[in-house]
PDB file of all heavy atoms in Angstrom:
ATOM      1  N   ASP A   1       2.762   6.105  -3.249  1.00  0.00           N
ATOM      2  CA  ASP A   1       1.309   6.053  -3.341  1.00  0.00           C
ATOM      3  C   ASP A   1       0.845   4.668  -3.901  1.00  0.00           C
ATOM      4  O   ASP A   1       1.715   3.813  -4.210  1.00  0.00           O
ATOM      5  CB  ASP A   1       0.710   7.156  -4.154  1.00  0.00           C
ATOM      6  CG  ASP A   1      -0.542   7.634  -3.747  1.00  0.00           C
ATOM      7  OD1 ASP A   1      -1.401   6.872  -3.166  1.00  0.00           O
ATOM      8  OD2 ASP A   1      -0.829   8.923  -3.799  1.00  0.00           O
ATOM      9  N   TYR A   2      -0.509   4.488  -4.133  1.00  0.00           N
ATOM     10  CA  TYR A   2      -1.027   3.210  -4.347  1.00  0.00           C
ATOM     11  C   TYR A   2      -2.294   3.458  -5.253  1.00  0.00           C
ATOM     12  O   TYR A   2      -3.099   4.432  -4.982  1.00  0.00           O
ATOM     13  CB  TYR A   2      -1.618   2.789  -2.901  1.00  0.00           C
ATOM     14  CG  TYR A   2      -2.427   1.598  -2.994  1.00  0.00           C
ATOM     15  CD1 TYR A   2      -1.961   0.285  -2.534  1.00  0.00           C
ATOM     16  CD2 TYR A   2      -3.786   1.653  -3.254  1.00  0.00           C
ATOM     17  CE1 TYR A   2      -2.793  -0.788  -2.436  1.00  0.00           C
ATOM     18  CE2 TYR A   2      -4.658   0.452  -3.224  1.00  0.00           C
ATOM     19  CZ  TYR A   2      -4.099  -0.658  -2.796  1.00  0.00           C
ATOM     20  OH  TYR A   2      -4.921  -1.768  -2.735  1.00  0.00           O
ATOM     21  N   VAL A   3      -2.348   2.655  -6.356  1.00  0.00           N
ATOM     22  CA  VAL A   3      -3.528   2.770  -7.199  1.00  0.00           C
ATOM     23  C   VAL A   3      -3.925   1.308  -7.407  1.00  0.00           C
ATOM     24  O   VAL A   3      -3.203   0.465  -7.777  1.00  0.00           O
ATOM     25  CB  VAL A   3      -3.085   3.362  -8.590  1.00  0.00           C
ATOM     26  CG1 VAL A   3      -4.307   3.269  -9.555  1.00  0.00           C
ATOM     27  CG2 VAL A   3      -2.838   4.838  -8.464  1.00  0.00           C
ATOM     28  N   ALA A   4      -5.193   1.094  -7.132  1.00  0.00           N
ATOM     29  CA  ALA A   4      -5.837  -0.296  -7.260  1.00  0.00           C
ATOM     30  C   ALA A   4      -6.183  -0.600  -8.720  1.00  0.00           C
ATOM     31  O   ALA A   4      -6.632   0.338  -9.468  1.00  0.00           O
ATOM     32  CB  ALA A   4      -7.016  -0.438  -6.372  1.00  0.00           C
ATOM     33  N   LYS A   5      -6.017  -1.815  -9.149  1.00  0.00           N
ATOM     34  CA  LYS A   5      -6.477  -2.255 -10.435  1.00  0.00           C
ATOM     35  C   LYS A   5      -7.960  -2.575 -10.398  1.00  0.00           C
ATOM     36  O   LYS A   5      -8.392  -2.960  -9.301  1.00  0.00           O
ATOM     37  CB  LYS A   5      -5.675  -3.536 -10.863  1.00  0.00           C
ATOM     38  CG  LYS A   5      -4.242  -3.257 -11.053  1.00  0.00           C
ATOM     39  CD  LYS A   5      -3.530  -4.608 -11.432  1.00  0.00           C
ATOM     40  CE  LYS A   5      -2.021  -4.468 -11.622  1.00  0.00           C
ATOM     41  NZ  LYS A   5      -1.386  -5.684 -11.969  1.00  0.00           N
ATOM     42  N   PRO A   6      -8.648  -2.542 -11.410  1.00  0.00           N
ATOM     43  CA  PRO A   6      -8.260  -2.119 -12.835  1.00  0.00           C
ATOM     44  C   PRO A   6      -7.881  -0.644 -12.819  1.00  0.00           C
ATOM     45  O   PRO A   6      -8.704   0.184 -12.267  1.00  0.00           O
ATOM     46  CB  PRO A   6      -9.429  -2.363 -13.660  1.00  0.00           C
ATOM     47  CG  PRO A   6     -10.511  -2.427 -12.788  1.00  0.00           C
ATOM     48  CD  PRO A   6     -10.120  -2.941 -11.475  1.00  0.00           C
ATOM     49  N   VAL A   7      -6.759  -0.281 -13.347  1.00  0.00           N
ATOM     50  CA  VAL A   7      -6.317   1.167 -13.454  1.00  0.00           C
ATOM     51  C   VAL A   7      -7.278   1.961 -14.341  1.00  0.00           C
ATOM     52  O   VAL A   7      -7.749   1.536 -15.344  1.00  0.00           O
ATOM     53  CB  VAL A   7      -4.929   1.202 -14.013  1.00  0.00           C
ATOM     54  CG1 VAL A   7      -4.466   2.594 -14.091  1.00  0.00           C
ATOM     55  CG2 VAL A   7      -4.006   0.369 -13.127  1.00  0.00           C
ATOM     56  N   LYS A   8      -7.651   3.137 -13.888  1.00  0.00           N
ATOM     57  CA  LYS A   8      -8.502   4.116 -14.744  1.00  0.00           C
ATOM     58  C   LYS A   8      -7.797   5.292 -15.068  1.00  0.00           C
ATOM     59  O   LYS A   8      -6.888   5.687 -14.390  1.00  0.00           O
ATOM     60  CB  LYS A   8      -9.778   4.367 -13.895  1.00  0.00           C
ATOM     61  CG  LYS A   8     -10.673   3.212 -13.582  1.00  0.00           C
ATOM     62  CD  LYS A   8     -11.949   3.585 -12.890  1.00  0.00           C
ATOM     63  CE  LYS A   8     -12.880   2.345 -12.617  1.00  0.00           C
ATOM     64  NZ  LYS A   8     -14.065   2.822 -11.868  1.00  0.00           N
ATOM     65  N   LEU A   9      -8.190   5.861 -16.175  1.00  0.00           N
ATOM     66  CA  LEU A   9      -7.525   7.077 -16.769  1.00  0.00           C
ATOM     67  C   LEU A   9      -7.513   8.149 -15.704  1.00  0.00           C
ATOM     68  O   LEU A   9      -6.498   8.825 -15.493  1.00  0.00           O
ATOM     69  CB  LEU A   9      -8.206   7.477 -18.010  1.00  0.00           C
ATOM     70  CG  LEU A   9      -7.495   8.587 -18.828  1.00  0.00           C
ATOM     71  CD1 LEU A   9      -6.233   8.001 -19.423  1.00  0.00           C
ATOM     72  CD2 LEU A   9      -8.388   9.087 -19.959  1.00  0.00           C
ATOM     73  N   ASP A  10      -8.668   8.462 -15.118  1.00  0.00           N
ATOM     74  CA  ASP A  10      -8.676   9.614 -14.185  1.00  0.00           C
ATOM     75  C   ASP A  10      -7.836   9.409 -12.993  1.00  0.00           C
ATOM     76  O   ASP A  10      -7.230  10.379 -12.369  1.00  0.00           O
ATOM     77  CB  ASP A  10     -10.127   9.884 -13.737  1.00  0.00           C
ATOM     78  CG  ASP A  10     -10.787   8.684 -13.073  1.00  0.00           C
ATOM     79  OD1 ASP A  10     -10.334   7.587 -13.137  1.00  0.00           O
ATOM     80  OD2 ASP A  10     -11.882   8.853 -12.435  1.00  0.00           O
ATOM     81  N   GLU A  11      -7.589   8.184 -12.542  1.00  0.00           N
ATOM     82  CA  GLU A  11      -6.715   7.906 -11.374  1.00  0.00           C
ATOM     83  C   GLU A  11      -5.208   8.126 -11.803  1.00  0.00           C
ATOM     84  O   GLU A  11      -4.407   8.726 -10.990  1.00  0.00           O
ATOM     85  CB  GLU A  11      -6.857   6.427 -10.940  1.00  0.00           C
ATOM     86  CG  GLU A  11      -8.211   6.220 -10.300  1.00  0.00           C
ATOM     87  CD  GLU A  11      -8.424   4.757  -9.900  1.00  0.00           C
ATOM     88  OE1 GLU A  11      -7.726   3.862 -10.415  1.00  0.00           O
ATOM     89  OE2 GLU A  11      -9.338   4.464  -9.151  1.00  0.00           O
ATOM     90  N   LEU A  12      -4.860   7.772 -12.978  1.00  0.00           N
ATOM     91  CA  LEU A  12      -3.489   8.043 -13.445  1.00  0.00           C
ATOM     92  C   LEU A  12      -3.199   9.568 -13.542  1.00  0.00           C
ATOM     93  O   LEU A  12      -2.204  10.127 -13.189  1.00  0.00           O
ATOM     94  CB  LEU A  12      -3.240   7.359 -14.852  1.00  0.00           C
ATOM     95  CG  LEU A  12      -3.285   5.940 -14.878  1.00  0.00           C
ATOM     96  CD1 LEU A  12      -3.121   5.350 -16.255  1.00  0.00           C
ATOM     97  CD2 LEU A  12      -2.136   5.231 -14.004  1.00  0.00           C
ATOM     98  N   HIS A  13      -4.262  10.237 -14.110  1.00  0.00           N
ATOM     99  CA  HIS A  13      -4.228  11.700 -14.233  1.00  0.00           C
ATOM    100  C   HIS A  13      -4.036  12.268 -12.908  1.00  0.00           C
ATOM    101  O   HIS A  13      -3.245  13.252 -12.604  1.00  0.00           O
ATOM    102  CB  HIS A  13      -5.490  12.204 -14.943  1.00  0.00           C
ATOM    103  CG  HIS A  13      -5.609  13.640 -14.961  1.00  0.00           C
ATOM    104  ND1 HIS A  13      -6.474  14.344 -14.166  1.00  0.00           N
ATOM    105  CD2 HIS A  13      -4.949  14.597 -15.688  1.00  0.00           C
ATOM    106  CE1 HIS A  13      -6.355  15.675 -14.349  1.00  0.00           C
ATOM    107  NE2 HIS A  13      -5.473  15.853 -15.368  1.00  0.00           N
ATOM    108  N   SER A  14      -4.841  11.830 -11.844  1.00  0.00           N
ATOM    109  CA  SER A  14      -4.887  12.451 -10.550  1.00  0.00           C
ATOM    110  C   SER A  14      -3.478  12.274  -9.821  1.00  0.00           C
ATOM    111  O   SER A  14      -3.019  13.242  -9.210  1.00  0.00           O
ATOM    112  CB  SER A  14      -6.033  11.832  -9.667  1.00  0.00           C
ATOM    113  OG  SER A  14      -7.239  12.220 -10.214  1.00  0.00           O
ATOM    114  N   VAL A  15      -2.989  11.060  -9.916  1.00  0.00           N
ATOM    115  CA  VAL A  15      -1.735  10.901  -9.275  1.00  0.00           C
ATOM    116  C   VAL A  15      -0.520  11.681  -9.836  1.00  0.00           C
ATOM    117  O   VAL A  15       0.396  12.096  -9.129  1.00  0.00           O
ATOM    118  CB  VAL A  15      -1.347   9.325  -9.216  1.00  0.00           C
ATOM    119  CG1 VAL A  15      -0.748   8.903 -10.537  1.00  0.00           C
ATOM    120  CG2 VAL A  15      -0.457   9.030  -8.095  1.00  0.00           C
ATOM    121  N   ILE A  16      -0.541  11.876 -11.166  1.00  0.00           N
ATOM    122  CA  ILE A  16       0.551  12.749 -11.888  1.00  0.00           C
ATOM    123  C   ILE A  16       0.370  14.142 -11.469  1.00  0.00           C
ATOM    124  O   ILE A  16       1.313  14.801 -11.070  1.00  0.00           O
ATOM    125  CB  ILE A  16       0.305  12.556 -13.389  1.00  0.00           C
ATOM    126  CG1 ILE A  16       0.871  11.171 -13.824  1.00  0.00           C
ATOM    127  CG2 ILE A  16       1.239  13.632 -14.011  1.00  0.00           C
ATOM    128  CD1 ILE A  16       0.624  10.886 -15.249  1.00  0.00           C
ATOM    129  N   VAL A  17      -0.865  14.653 -11.346  1.00  0.00           N
ATOM    130  CA  VAL A  17      -1.109  16.039 -10.943  1.00  0.00           C
ATOM    131  C   VAL A  17      -0.774  16.193  -9.445  1.00  0.00           C
ATOM    132  O   VAL A  17      -0.188  17.210  -9.021  1.00  0.00           O
ATOM    133  CB  VAL A  17      -2.573  16.411 -11.201  1.00  0.00           C
ATOM    134  CG1 VAL A  17      -2.907  17.766 -10.515  1.00  0.00           C
ATOM    135  CG2 VAL A  17      -2.871  16.506 -12.767  1.00  0.00           C
ATOM    136  N   LYS A  18      -1.097  15.189  -8.643  1.00  0.00           N
ATOM    137  CA  LYS A  18      -0.816  15.267  -7.230  1.00  0.00           C
ATOM    138  C   LYS A  18       0.642  15.467  -6.924  1.00  0.00           C
ATOM    139  O   LYS A  18       1.066  16.289  -6.081  1.00  0.00           O
ATOM    140  CB  LYS A  18      -1.324  13.974  -6.599  1.00  0.00           C
ATOM    141  CG  LYS A  18      -0.994  13.926  -5.024  1.00  0.00           C
ATOM    142  CD  LYS A  18      -1.531  12.559  -4.460  1.00  0.00           C
ATOM    143  CE  LYS A  18      -1.190  12.400  -3.009  1.00  0.00           C
ATOM    144  NZ  LYS A  18      -1.703  11.182  -2.518  1.00  0.00           N
ATOM    145  N   TYR A  19       1.563  14.790  -7.604  1.00  0.00           N
ATOM    146  CA  TYR A  19       2.975  14.725  -7.348  1.00  0.00           C
ATOM    147  C   TYR A  19       3.797  15.725  -8.261  1.00  0.00           C
ATOM    148  O   TYR A  19       4.847  16.080  -7.855  1.00  0.00           O
ATOM    149  CB  TYR A  19       3.532  13.417  -7.419  1.00  0.00           C
ATOM    150  CG  TYR A  19       3.090  12.518  -6.236  1.00  0.00           C
ATOM    151  CD1 TYR A  19       2.069  11.580  -6.466  1.00  0.00           C
ATOM    152  CD2 TYR A  19       3.541  12.677  -4.983  1.00  0.00           C
ATOM    153  CE1 TYR A  19       1.643  10.720  -5.453  1.00  0.00           C
ATOM    154  CE2 TYR A  19       3.129  11.856  -3.924  1.00  0.00           C
ATOM    155  CZ  TYR A  19       2.115  10.951  -4.146  1.00  0.00           C
ATOM    156  OH  TYR A  19       1.692  10.182  -3.089  1.00  0.00           O
ATOM    157  N   PHE A  20       3.240  16.053  -9.421  1.00  0.00           N
ATOM    158  CA  PHE A  20       4.028  16.814 -10.340  1.00  0.00           C
ATOM    159  C   PHE A  20       3.382  18.208 -10.811  1.00  0.00           C
ATOM    160  O   PHE A  20       3.900  18.920 -11.580  1.00  0.00           O
ATOM    161  CB  PHE A  20       4.433  16.002 -11.577  1.00  0.00           C
ATOM    162  CG  PHE A  20       5.263  14.747 -11.170  1.00  0.00           C
ATOM    163  CD1 PHE A  20       4.647  13.553 -11.097  1.00  0.00           C
ATOM    164  CD2 PHE A  20       6.624  14.929 -11.008  1.00  0.00           C
ATOM    165  CE1 PHE A  20       5.481  12.418 -10.693  1.00  0.00           C
ATOM    166  CE2 PHE A  20       7.341  13.758 -10.665  1.00  0.00           C
ATOM    167  CZ  PHE A  20       6.742  12.553 -10.512  1.00  0.00           C
ATOM    168  N   GLY A  21       2.114  18.304 -10.402  1.00  0.00           N
ATOM    169  CA  GLY A  21       1.348  19.514 -10.858  1.00  0.00           C
ATOM    170  C   GLY A  21       1.741  20.739 -10.084  1.00  0.00           C
ATOM    171  O   GLY A  21       2.543  20.626  -9.127  1.00  0.00           O
ATOM    172  N   PRO A  22       1.321  21.862 -10.520  1.00  0.00           N
ATOM    173  CA  PRO A  22       1.618  23.136  -9.783  1.00  0.00           C
ATOM    174  C   PRO A  22       1.186  23.119  -8.329  1.00  0.00           C
ATOM    175  O   PRO A  22       0.139  22.599  -7.976  1.00  0.00           O
ATOM    176  CB  PRO A  22       0.878  24.186 -10.520  1.00  0.00           C
ATOM    177  CG  PRO A  22      -0.181  23.450 -11.301  1.00  0.00           C
ATOM    178  CD  PRO A  22       0.310  22.041 -11.553  1.00  0.00           C
ATOM    179  N   VAL A  23       2.022  23.719  -7.443  1.00  0.00           N
ATOM    180  CA  VAL A  23       1.639  23.830  -6.058  1.00  0.00           C
ATOM    181  C   VAL A  23       0.721  24.896  -5.804  1.00  0.00           C
ATOM    182  O   VAL A  23       0.956  26.072  -6.314  1.00  0.00           O
ATOM    183  CB  VAL A  23       2.928  23.965  -5.262  1.00  0.00           C
ATOM    184  CG1 VAL A  23       2.616  24.075  -3.735  1.00  0.00           C
ATOM    185  CG2 VAL A  23       3.980  22.836  -5.518  1.00  0.00           C
ATOM    186  N   ALA A  24      -0.450  24.600  -5.128  1.00  0.00           N
ATOM    187  CA  ALA A  24      -1.380  25.615  -4.845  1.00  0.00           C
ATOM    188  C   ALA A  24      -0.824  26.709  -3.915  1.00  0.00           C
ATOM    189  O   ALA A  24      -0.114  26.396  -2.934  1.00  0.00           O
ATOM    190  CB  ALA A  24      -2.621  25.042  -4.197  1.00  0.00           C
TER     191      ALA A  24
END
């Protein structure tokens, strides 16, 4: 995946949940 700078807290949170969060 890809996150553009400047990095924001909610984007880091979203990418972690996207790949490691519970599967719906």
